Amino acid sequence: MSQAVSLGQIVKGGYCVGCGGCAMAASGVQMSINDVGMPQPSHPALESLSAETCPFGTERNETVLAEELFGGLQGISHHPSTGFYSDLHAGHAITGPHRLSGSSGGLTSWVLEELLTRGEVDAVIHVGRGASDGIFEYLISSSVDELRTRVKSIYYPTGFHEVLEQVRADTTRTFAITGVPCHIKALRLAAETDPLLQGKLKYFVGIFCGHLKSRGFVESFGWQLGIHPDAVSDVDFRVKDTSRPANDYSIEVRSNTKVARTENFRLYGSDWGLGLFKPLACDFCDDVACETADVVMGDAWLPEYVKDSLGTNVVIVRHPVIAALLAGASARGEISLDPIDPGKIHQSQAATFRHRNEGLQVRLAHMDSRGIWRPRKRVQAGDGGLEPMRRRLYVTRMRLSQVSHRALKEAKQGGGLGWFFLRLLPYDVLYNYQNGQLLRRTYRTLRAMLQSLVLRPLRKKS
């Protein structure tokens, strides 16, 4: 029998994702932004509070929860990469603005709009631009018009604790809610333990997740585009370009006085593999496919789809109502759906699956060998069957993520953007060497740094 995990242990270990699942009304836990730009709980007796509603603290892993939710459904199957599923698709929206205005194929916003307009729910809870002290927050959309103004992928830390207070106080409405895997898991835990939430969160719509980002991700991009971190007021992470493949998009950052846009590849830190501004918790997550959600959407990073600049989704369906909505719309020509197999789902997110499996084995073993506490995971500690250089790469990537938080903090305190680059360059070069791409990737790194500091070849908008 393992010892119960406390919230203090989670926070001190760096395994908090800032979701707010612990900040129940009666808990007394408060959420605030810490010094590296992540929401974090505080309480006078944090060490004595149970972490049973925390996605990294509960003993009930995703397999246990998913079995309870979906294991008994008719026509359900299971695969190690997808979790439970009834249907697997690659596709996109055809009618409506969903595909053009969304980050990918538009099926996430299409599903949410269908649930709302068909009366399956009264409102949708999702992330959009808000009026809090940050740029984005969880909001409630009660109409299609509201829903359509809050689309696209958002790589920004958000917690759902405040919006759940509105749900608790609402005695009449039901909701669909969106989130990444750790958020959906925490929401499932909250919904089953809080009497004021039970029955109100009706559908859980998941999003594939590579990892979360702190506020530093946005701030670093703004700085590279000539906008000071403290002045960033808005960002569009994925501006589509119809002349380019779906994975070759631009980023636009705004302040009150300036709008700047450039291609994604020109910005240092846009390479998802580097993992800059990643919470440590994300390096100890083993859920890629949001295994506790009713339906999950991600990018179809597959050769047969990626050339389409408008974007295509991969979809994992688990809930029979959503399966019926998708099948009916496909028959009517409102959406396009191709059946795919679990291998294609894995291929579409192959790098993330490697990082969360063989990479996680290595990181768990690394922590264990140093006597550092870490959460229990479904993946077992080991060498992953990997060569020593590959194992070292996974540890270097974890260190690079953590150094990036401190480097930006020091740069904002007076070191400047140049200090941020200088602080990270040795780790970046080591990572490139271990990845077998020293010259090509280091050249790309130095080019991005030089462009930000000296050349600044940006496309500006008035």
Foldseek 3Di string as FASTA:
>chain_A
DDDAAFQVLCVVLLQAQQQCLQVAPPNQWDWDADLLFAIGTDDPPRRPHTCCLAQQGNPQHLLNLLCVVFVPDPQWDADLQQGIFNFKWKWAFDDDCQLVQELFRRVLLVLQQCCCVVVVWQWEWEKAQDDDPDGIEIDIGRDNVVSSRGHYDDQEHYYCNVVVVVQLVDDDTAYEYEDEQRSLSSVVSSQVPDPSNPPRHRFYEYEFDLFHAGLVVLQQVCLLLVHHSVFWRDKHQFAFDQVFWSVWGKIWTDGPVFIWMDILLLAPPSPVLLQARGGLSSLQDQHRNSNNGQKYKYWQQDPVHRRRRSHMIIMGHRDPVSVVVVVVCCVVVRMPIDTDDVVSVCVSVVVSNCSSAQLSLLVVQVCVVVVHDGGDDPHHHDNSPDDPLVSVLSVLSSVLRVQLSVQVSVCSVPVPSVSSLVSNLVSQQSNCVSVVNNPPSSVSSVSSSCCSVPVVPIDTDD
